[in-house]
Structure formats: structure tokens, C-alpha cells
N, C-alpha and C. Protein backbone atom coordinates (compact mmCIF):
# COMPACT_ATOMS: atom_id res chain seq x y z
N MET A 1 0.85 -1.19 0.00
CA MET A 1 0.00 0.00 0.00
C MET A 1 0.88 1.24 0.00
N ALA A 2 0.68 2.09 -0.96
CA ALA A 2 1.49 3.31 -1.08
C ALA A 2 0.91 4.41 -0.20
N ASN A 3 1.78 5.34 0.20
CA ASN A 3 1.30 6.49 0.94
C ASN A 3 1.87 7.77 0.35
N VAL A 4 1.42 8.89 0.89
CA VAL A 4 1.76 10.20 0.34
C VAL A 4 3.25 10.49 0.40
N TYR A 5 3.93 9.98 1.39
CA TYR A 5 5.36 10.28 1.58
C TYR A 5 6.25 9.69 0.49
N GLU A 6 5.76 8.72 -0.25
CA GLU A 6 6.56 8.04 -1.27
C GLU A 6 6.59 8.79 -2.60
N VAL A 7 5.83 9.87 -2.71
CA VAL A 7 5.72 10.61 -3.96
C VAL A 7 6.22 12.03 -3.74
N GLU A 8 6.87 12.57 -4.77
CA GLU A 8 7.33 13.96 -4.71
C GLU A 8 6.12 14.89 -4.52
N PRO A 9 6.20 15.83 -3.55
CA PRO A 9 5.02 16.66 -3.23
C PRO A 9 4.43 17.43 -4.42
N LYS A 10 5.28 17.97 -5.27
CA LYS A 10 4.77 18.76 -6.39
C LYS A 10 3.95 17.89 -7.35
N LYS A 11 4.50 16.72 -7.69
CA LYS A 11 3.77 15.79 -8.57
C LYS A 11 2.46 15.36 -7.91
N TYR A 12 2.56 15.07 -6.62
CA TYR A 12 1.40 14.58 -5.89
C TYR A 12 0.28 15.63 -5.90
N ASN A 13 0.62 16.88 -5.62
CA ASN A 13 -0.40 17.92 -5.57
C ASN A 13 -1.08 18.11 -6.92
N ILE A 14 -0.32 18.02 -8.00
CA ILE A 14 -0.91 18.17 -9.34
C ILE A 14 -1.89 17.03 -9.63
N GLU A 15 -1.48 15.81 -9.32
CA GLU A 15 -2.36 14.65 -9.56
C GLU A 15 -3.58 14.68 -8.65
N LEU A 16 -3.38 15.09 -7.40
CA LEU A 16 -4.50 15.17 -6.46
C LEU A 16 -5.47 16.26 -6.90
N ALA A 17 -4.95 17.37 -7.40
CA ALA A 17 -5.82 18.45 -7.90
C ALA A 17 -6.66 17.95 -9.08
N ASN A 18 -6.06 17.17 -9.97
CA ASN A 18 -6.81 16.60 -11.10
C ASN A 18 -7.89 15.64 -10.62
N ALA A 19 -7.59 14.89 -9.57
CA ALA A 19 -8.58 13.96 -9.02
C ALA A 19 -9.72 14.72 -8.33
N LEU A 20 -9.39 15.85 -7.69
CA LEU A 20 -10.42 16.63 -6.99
C LEU A 20 -11.37 17.32 -7.96
N LYS A 21 -10.93 17.56 -9.19
CA LYS A 21 -11.80 18.19 -10.19
C LYS A 21 -13.01 17.32 -10.50
N GLU A 22 -12.88 16.01 -10.30
CA GLU A 22 -13.97 15.09 -10.60
C GLU A 22 -14.95 14.94 -9.45
N ILE A 23 -14.63 15.51 -8.29
CA ILE A 23 -15.50 15.41 -7.12
C ILE A 23 -16.37 16.67 -7.07
N PRO A 24 -17.70 16.51 -7.11
CA PRO A 24 -18.58 17.69 -7.21
C PRO A 24 -18.52 18.61 -5.99
N GLU A 25 -18.22 18.10 -4.80
CA GLU A 25 -18.17 18.94 -3.59
C GLU A 25 -17.02 19.94 -3.64
N PHE A 26 -15.99 19.68 -4.41
CA PHE A 26 -14.83 20.57 -4.48
C PHE A 26 -14.92 21.55 -5.65
N GLY A 27 -16.10 22.01 -5.96
CA GLY A 27 -16.27 22.98 -7.03
C GLY A 27 -15.74 24.35 -6.63
N MET A 28 -15.25 25.08 -7.60
CA MET A 28 -14.72 26.42 -7.34
C MET A 28 -15.88 27.41 -7.26
N PRO A 29 -16.03 28.14 -6.15
CA PRO A 29 -17.13 29.10 -6.02
C PRO A 29 -16.97 30.25 -7.02
N GLU A 30 -18.07 30.92 -7.30
CA GLU A 30 -18.05 32.03 -8.24
C GLU A 30 -17.13 33.15 -7.79
N TRP A 31 -17.16 33.45 -6.50
CA TRP A 31 -16.37 34.56 -5.98
C TRP A 31 -14.87 34.30 -6.03
N ALA A 32 -14.47 33.04 -6.20
CA ALA A 32 -13.05 32.69 -6.17
C ALA A 32 -12.29 33.22 -7.39
N TYR A 33 -13.00 33.60 -8.44
CA TYR A 33 -12.32 34.14 -9.62
C TYR A 33 -11.82 35.57 -9.39
N PHE A 34 -12.37 36.23 -8.37
CA PHE A 34 -12.08 37.64 -8.16
C PHE A 34 -11.30 37.95 -6.90
N VAL A 35 -11.12 36.98 -6.00
CA VAL A 35 -10.48 37.27 -4.71
C VAL A 35 -8.97 37.04 -4.77
N LYS A 36 -8.28 37.77 -3.92
CA LYS A 36 -6.86 37.52 -3.73
C LYS A 36 -6.74 36.40 -2.71
N THR A 37 -5.63 35.70 -2.70
CA THR A 37 -5.44 34.61 -1.74
C THR A 37 -4.89 35.12 -0.41
N GLY A 38 -4.68 36.41 -0.30
CA GLY A 38 -4.22 37.00 0.94
C GLY A 38 -3.98 38.49 0.76
N SER A 39 -3.87 39.21 1.87
CA SER A 39 -3.69 40.66 1.76
C SER A 39 -2.29 41.02 1.29
N GLY A 40 -1.37 40.08 1.33
CA GLY A 40 -0.02 40.33 0.85
C GLY A 40 0.11 40.24 -0.66
N LYS A 41 -0.91 39.77 -1.32
CA LYS A 41 -0.89 39.63 -2.78
C LYS A 41 -1.45 40.89 -3.43
N GLU A 42 -0.98 41.17 -4.64
CA GLU A 42 -1.49 42.33 -5.35
C GLU A 42 -2.67 42.00 -6.24
N ARG A 43 -2.71 40.77 -6.76
CA ARG A 43 -3.77 40.38 -7.69
C ARG A 43 -4.26 38.97 -7.37
N PRO A 44 -5.44 38.62 -7.90
CA PRO A 44 -5.92 37.24 -7.76
C PRO A 44 -5.05 36.29 -8.57
N PRO A 45 -5.09 34.99 -8.27
CA PRO A 45 -4.30 34.03 -9.05
C PRO A 45 -4.72 34.02 -10.51
N ARG A 46 -3.76 33.78 -11.39
CA ARG A 46 -4.04 33.78 -12.83
C ARG A 46 -4.41 32.40 -13.36
N GLU A 47 -3.97 31.34 -12.67
CA GLU A 47 -4.27 29.99 -13.14
C GLU A 47 -5.76 29.70 -12.96
N ASN A 48 -6.32 28.96 -13.88
CA ASN A 48 -7.75 28.62 -13.81
C ASN A 48 -8.03 27.56 -12.75
N ASP A 49 -7.04 26.71 -12.48
CA ASP A 49 -7.28 25.61 -11.54
C ASP A 49 -6.61 25.84 -10.18
N TRP A 50 -6.38 27.08 -9.81
CA TRP A 50 -5.69 27.36 -8.54
C TRP A 50 -6.48 26.86 -7.34
N TRP A 51 -7.80 26.86 -7.44
CA TRP A 51 -8.62 26.41 -6.31
C TRP A 51 -8.35 24.92 -6.01
N TYR A 52 -8.24 24.12 -7.06
CA TYR A 52 -8.03 22.68 -6.89
C TYR A 52 -6.61 22.41 -6.38
N ARG A 53 -5.65 23.20 -6.83
CA ARG A 53 -4.28 23.03 -6.34
C ARG A 53 -4.19 23.39 -4.86
N ARG A 54 -4.87 24.45 -4.45
CA ARG A 54 -4.86 24.82 -3.03
C ARG A 54 -5.59 23.77 -2.21
N SER A 55 -6.69 23.24 -2.74
CA SER A 55 -7.43 22.18 -2.05
C SER A 55 -6.55 20.94 -1.88
N ALA A 56 -5.83 20.58 -2.93
CA ALA A 56 -4.94 19.42 -2.86
C ALA A 56 -3.85 19.65 -1.82
N SER A 57 -3.30 20.84 -1.80
CA SER A 57 -2.25 21.16 -0.85
C SER A 57 -2.75 21.10 0.58
N ILE A 58 -3.96 21.59 0.81
CA ILE A 58 -4.54 21.57 2.16
C ILE A 58 -4.82 20.14 2.60
N LEU A 59 -5.34 19.32 1.71
CA LEU A 59 -5.57 17.91 2.06
C LEU A 59 -4.27 17.20 2.37
N ARG A 60 -3.22 17.51 1.61
CA ARG A 60 -1.91 16.91 1.88
C ARG A 60 -1.38 17.36 3.24
N GLN A 61 -1.60 18.62 3.58
CA GLN A 61 -1.17 19.12 4.89
C GLN A 61 -1.91 18.39 6.01
N ALA A 62 -3.20 18.10 5.80
CA ALA A 62 -3.97 17.36 6.79
C ALA A 62 -3.39 15.95 6.95
N TYR A 63 -2.91 15.37 5.86
CA TYR A 63 -2.29 14.04 5.93
C TYR A 63 -0.98 14.10 6.70
N VAL A 64 -0.16 15.09 6.39
CA VAL A 64 1.17 15.18 6.99
C VAL A 64 1.11 15.61 8.45
N LYS A 65 0.31 16.63 8.77
CA LYS A 65 0.29 17.20 10.12
C LYS A 65 -0.67 16.48 11.06
N GLY A 66 -1.66 15.81 10.52
CA GLY A 66 -2.65 15.15 11.37
C GLY A 66 -3.88 16.02 11.56
N VAL A 67 -3.77 17.06 12.37
CA VAL A 67 -4.88 17.99 12.61
C VAL A 67 -4.45 19.37 12.12
N VAL A 68 -5.28 19.97 11.28
CA VAL A 68 -4.98 21.31 10.78
C VAL A 68 -6.14 22.24 11.09
N GLY A 69 -5.80 23.48 11.41
CA GLY A 69 -6.80 24.50 11.66
C GLY A 69 -6.64 25.64 10.68
N VAL A 70 -7.63 26.49 10.62
CA VAL A 70 -7.63 27.60 9.68
C VAL A 70 -6.45 28.53 9.94
N ASN A 71 -6.21 28.86 11.21
CA ASN A 71 -5.17 29.83 11.52
C ASN A 71 -3.77 29.32 11.16
N LYS A 72 -3.49 28.06 11.45
CA LYS A 72 -2.18 27.48 11.08
C LYS A 72 -1.99 27.49 9.57
N LEU A 73 -3.05 27.17 8.84
CA LEU A 73 -2.96 27.17 7.38
C LEU A 73 -2.83 28.59 6.84
N ARG A 74 -3.46 29.57 7.50
CA ARG A 74 -3.31 30.96 7.08
C ARG A 74 -1.85 31.39 7.17
N VAL A 75 -1.17 30.94 8.23
CA VAL A 75 0.24 31.27 8.40
C VAL A 75 1.07 30.56 7.34
N LYS A 76 0.76 29.29 7.08
CA LYS A 76 1.54 28.52 6.11
C LYS A 76 1.45 29.12 4.70
N TYR A 77 0.26 29.54 4.29
CA TYR A 77 0.07 30.06 2.94
C TYR A 77 0.24 31.58 2.85
N GLY A 78 0.62 32.22 3.93
CA GLY A 78 0.84 33.66 3.92
C GLY A 78 2.11 34.04 3.19
N ASN A 79 2.33 35.34 3.01
CA ASN A 79 3.52 35.81 2.32
C ASN A 79 3.88 37.21 2.81
N LYS A 80 4.99 37.73 2.31
CA LYS A 80 5.41 39.08 2.69
C LYS A 80 4.77 40.10 1.77
N LYS A 81 4.25 41.15 2.37
CA LYS A 81 3.64 42.24 1.59
C LYS A 81 4.71 43.26 1.24
N ASP A 82 4.79 43.59 -0.03
CA ASP A 82 5.76 44.59 -0.49
C ASP A 82 5.22 45.97 -0.12
N LYS A 83 5.93 46.67 0.76
CA LYS A 83 5.47 47.97 1.23
C LYS A 83 6.29 49.11 0.64
N GLY A 84 6.82 48.89 -0.55
CA GLY A 84 7.58 49.94 -1.20
C GLY A 84 8.94 50.13 -0.56
N HIS A 85 9.26 51.34 -0.12
CA HIS A 85 10.58 51.59 0.47
C HIS A 85 10.68 51.12 1.91
N LYS A 86 9.53 50.79 2.53
CA LYS A 86 9.55 50.26 3.90
C LYS A 86 9.92 48.79 3.86
N ARG A 87 10.21 48.25 5.04
CA ARG A 87 10.49 46.81 5.13
C ARG A 87 9.23 46.01 4.80
N ASP A 88 9.45 44.86 4.18
CA ASP A 88 8.33 43.97 3.91
C ASP A 88 7.78 43.45 5.22
N LYS A 89 6.46 43.18 5.23
CA LYS A 89 5.83 42.68 6.44
C LYS A 89 5.02 41.43 6.11
N PHE A 90 5.12 40.42 6.98
CA PHE A 90 4.40 39.18 6.75
C PHE A 90 2.91 39.38 6.94
N ARG A 91 2.14 38.82 6.02
CA ARG A 91 0.68 38.85 6.10
C ARG A 91 0.15 37.43 5.96
N LYS A 92 -0.86 37.10 6.75
CA LYS A 92 -1.48 35.79 6.66
C LYS A 92 -2.31 35.70 5.37
N ALA A 93 -2.57 34.45 4.97
CA ALA A 93 -3.39 34.21 3.78
C ALA A 93 -4.86 34.42 4.12
N SER A 94 -5.69 34.39 3.12
CA SER A 94 -7.13 34.59 3.29
C SER A 94 -7.75 33.42 4.05
N GLY A 95 -8.47 33.74 5.11
CA GLY A 95 -9.13 32.70 5.90
C GLY A 95 -10.36 32.16 5.21
N LYS A 96 -11.03 32.98 4.43
CA LYS A 96 -12.26 32.56 3.75
C LYS A 96 -11.98 31.44 2.76
N VAL A 97 -10.89 31.57 2.01
CA VAL A 97 -10.54 30.55 1.02
C VAL A 97 -10.25 29.22 1.74
N ILE A 98 -9.43 29.27 2.76
CA ILE A 98 -9.05 28.05 3.48
C ILE A 98 -10.25 27.43 4.18
N ARG A 99 -11.06 28.26 4.82
CA ARG A 99 -12.24 27.76 5.53
C ARG A 99 -13.21 27.08 4.57
N THR A 100 -13.42 27.69 3.40
CA THR A 100 -14.33 27.11 2.41
C THR A 100 -13.81 25.77 1.91
N ILE A 101 -12.51 25.66 1.68
CA ILE A 101 -11.94 24.39 1.22
C ILE A 101 -12.09 23.32 2.30
N LEU A 102 -11.86 23.68 3.56
CA LEU A 102 -12.04 22.72 4.64
C LEU A 102 -13.50 22.28 4.76
N GLN A 103 -14.43 23.20 4.56
CA GLN A 103 -15.85 22.84 4.60
C GLN A 103 -16.22 21.93 3.43
N GLN A 104 -15.63 22.17 2.27
CA GLN A 104 -15.86 21.28 1.13
C GLN A 104 -15.31 19.89 1.43
N GLY A 105 -14.17 19.84 2.11
CA GLY A 105 -13.60 18.55 2.50
C GLY A 105 -14.51 17.80 3.45
N GLU A 106 -15.17 18.54 4.35
CA GLU A 106 -16.12 17.90 5.26
C GLU A 106 -17.34 17.37 4.51
N LYS A 107 -17.87 18.16 3.56
CA LYS A 107 -19.03 17.73 2.78
C LYS A 107 -18.73 16.48 1.97
N SER A 108 -17.50 16.39 1.46
CA SER A 108 -17.13 15.23 0.64
C SER A 108 -16.83 14.00 1.50
N GLY A 109 -16.69 14.19 2.80
CA GLY A 109 -16.42 13.07 3.70
C GLY A 109 -14.94 12.79 3.89
N PHE A 110 -14.07 13.66 3.40
CA PHE A 110 -12.63 13.46 3.54
C PHE A 110 -12.10 14.01 4.86
N LEU A 111 -12.75 15.02 5.41
CA LEU A 111 -12.31 15.67 6.65
C LEU A 111 -13.42 15.63 7.68
N GLN A 112 -13.02 15.70 8.94
CA GLN A 112 -13.97 15.81 10.03
C GLN A 112 -13.36 16.66 11.12
N LYS A 113 -14.20 17.24 11.97
CA LYS A 113 -13.69 18.04 13.08
C LYS A 113 -13.01 17.10 14.07
N SER A 114 -11.89 17.55 14.60
CA SER A 114 -11.09 16.71 15.49
C SER A 114 -11.80 16.50 16.82
N ALA A 115 -11.76 15.27 17.29
CA ALA A 115 -12.39 14.94 18.57
C ALA A 115 -11.37 14.98 19.70
N GLY A 116 -10.09 15.09 19.39
CA GLY A 116 -9.04 15.06 20.40
C GLY A 116 -8.84 16.40 21.07
N LYS A 117 -7.68 16.55 21.70
CA LYS A 117 -7.35 17.80 22.40
C LYS A 117 -7.12 18.94 21.43
N LYS A 118 -6.52 18.64 20.27
CA LYS A 118 -6.25 19.68 19.28
C LYS A 118 -7.53 20.06 18.56
N LYS A 119 -7.70 21.37 18.36
CA LYS A 119 -8.85 21.84 17.59
C LYS A 119 -8.45 21.94 16.12
N GLY A 120 -9.38 21.66 15.26
CA GLY A 120 -9.12 21.72 13.83
C GLY A 120 -9.82 20.58 13.12
N ARG A 121 -9.32 20.24 11.96
CA ARG A 121 -9.91 19.16 11.18
C ARG A 121 -8.85 18.12 10.87
N GLU A 122 -9.32 16.87 10.78
CA GLU A 122 -8.42 15.76 10.47
C GLU A 122 -9.05 14.90 9.39
N LEU A 123 -8.23 14.08 8.77
CA LEU A 123 -8.72 13.20 7.70
C LEU A 123 -9.55 12.06 8.27
N THR A 124 -10.57 11.67 7.53
CA THR A 124 -11.34 10.49 7.88
C THR A 124 -10.69 9.27 7.21
N LYS A 125 -11.23 8.09 7.48
CA LYS A 125 -10.71 6.88 6.83
C LYS A 125 -10.91 6.96 5.32
N GLU A 126 -12.05 7.53 4.92
CA GLU A 126 -12.32 7.69 3.48
C GLU A 126 -11.32 8.65 2.84
N GLY A 127 -10.99 9.72 3.55
CA GLY A 127 -10.01 10.69 3.05
C GLY A 127 -8.62 10.08 2.94
N LEU A 128 -8.22 9.30 3.96
CA LEU A 128 -6.92 8.62 3.92
C LEU A 128 -6.85 7.67 2.74
N LYS A 129 -7.94 6.92 2.53
CA LYS A 129 -7.96 5.97 1.42
C LYS A 129 -7.85 6.69 0.08
N PHE A 130 -8.56 7.81 -0.06
CA PHE A 130 -8.53 8.58 -1.31
C PHE A 130 -7.12 9.09 -1.59
N LEU A 131 -6.47 9.68 -0.59
CA LEU A 131 -5.13 10.22 -0.76
C LEU A 131 -4.12 9.11 -1.06
N ASN A 132 -4.25 7.97 -0.39
CA ASN A 132 -3.34 6.86 -0.64
C ASN A 132 -3.57 6.26 -2.03
N ASP A 133 -4.83 6.24 -2.48
CA ASP A 133 -5.12 5.73 -3.82
C ASP A 133 -4.48 6.60 -4.90
N VAL A 134 -4.51 7.92 -4.70
CA VAL A 134 -3.88 8.83 -5.66
C VAL A 134 -2.38 8.59 -5.71
N SER A 135 -1.76 8.42 -4.54
CA SER A 135 -0.31 8.17 -4.53
C SER A 135 0.02 6.82 -5.16
N GLU A 136 -0.85 5.85 -4.98
CA GLU A 136 -0.64 4.53 -5.59
C GLU A 136 -0.70 4.62 -7.12
N GLU A 137 -1.64 5.42 -7.63
CA GLU A 137 -1.75 5.61 -9.08
C GLU A 137 -0.48 6.26 -9.64
N ILE A 138 0.05 7.24 -8.92
CA ILE A 138 1.27 7.93 -9.38
C ILE A 138 2.43 6.95 -9.42
N ILE A 139 2.56 6.13 -8.40
CA ILE A 139 3.66 5.17 -8.35
C ILE A 139 3.53 4.15 -9.48
N LYS A 140 2.29 3.72 -9.76
CA LYS A 140 2.08 2.78 -10.87
C LYS A 140 2.47 3.41 -12.20
N LYS A 141 2.10 4.69 -12.40
CA LYS A 141 2.48 5.39 -13.64
C LYS A 141 3.99 5.48 -13.77
N GLU A 142 4.65 5.84 -12.68
CA GLU A 142 6.11 5.98 -12.71
C GLU A 142 6.77 4.64 -13.01
N ASN A 143 6.27 3.57 -12.42
CA ASN A 143 6.83 2.24 -12.66
C ASN A 143 6.61 1.79 -14.10
N SER A 144 5.43 2.09 -14.65
CA SER A 144 5.19 1.69 -16.03
C SER A 144 6.05 2.51 -17.00
N GLU A 145 6.29 3.78 -16.69
CA GLU A 145 7.15 4.60 -17.53
C GLU A 145 8.61 4.13 -17.45
N MET A 146 9.03 3.69 -16.27
CA MET A 146 10.40 3.20 -16.12
C MET A 146 10.57 1.90 -16.89
N GLY A 147 9.52 1.08 -16.92
CA GLY A 147 9.58 -0.16 -17.67
C GLY A 147 9.71 0.09 -19.17
N LYS A 148 9.05 1.13 -19.65
CA LYS A 148 9.13 1.48 -21.08
C LYS A 148 10.51 2.02 -21.42
N ASN A 149 11.11 2.79 -20.50
CA ASN A 149 12.41 3.39 -20.76
C ASN A 149 13.54 2.37 -20.80
N THR A 150 13.41 1.27 -20.05
CA THR A 150 14.49 0.28 -20.02
C THR A 150 14.46 -0.64 -21.23
N GLU A 151 13.34 -0.70 -21.93
CA GLU A 151 13.25 -1.58 -23.11
C GLU A 151 13.89 -0.98 -24.31
């Protein structure tokens, strides 16, 4: 059984984002085309599938960290705001974007509110299985490509 740690994170996030596009609960809201991902950004993202990539990244963080909350993820996805001639200042990412993605994860059955001491959300068994299945598909693709290259 393959797990997320066996695959390069960048490849994994791209494949997971493609898999999330097929799940109706992870649809991109209308307002997401116009919002910035944080106050440190000057413009909204230009990629059409940025919502799915961020969703994939958040689900991967839930796998790696165990329990994730909105505030911790805001810090992780934050950036430095360019203040001109003044020193740059760190700004957290948008909480609305992260909160909405976590709520979509709950609707799809991949995430649930943590019952332990830590507050936040954690992966369900269904979510773990989904993430491990994606990593297994990537490993199978890589193995089949390596087999073609050696012939």
C-alpha cells in the first residue's frame, strides 16, 4: 500500500488536484475568480485551476500534520507584503478561502472536526484511502514509464 510520503510533493499535488476536479463537492465558487489569496498579494491568481491546487495542498497538509486548523494554514500560505521603500511585512493568507476548502472537504467526507485535544480538522478513513489511492496511481504510472524506458 502506497502512501503520500513516497511521492514527490509537487507531482502529488498536481495529480490530487486533477482527481479533486472530478468530485462535485470541491467545485470552485463564483467569488473565487475575483479574490486575492491574501492581503499580501497584489492580484488574484491567474491559473484557472488554482482552487483545486490549493485544495490538494490543504488535504496533503492534513495528511502530513494530522490535525490542521484555519489559523495554522493561514500562516503557512501567507507571504510578505511589499510595502515599497519600507520593510516587507508578513501577512497571513485569506481565511475565507481556506475555511471554504475545509468545509468542502467535510461535505465530501474526507475531513472531520477533530475529537481530540487539538482543535481543527483531520482526515477520515475515506479521506486517507482517497489520498493513498492517488499516490498509488502515481507510483504505478512511474513504474510503467520506467519499464518502457528500459526496453
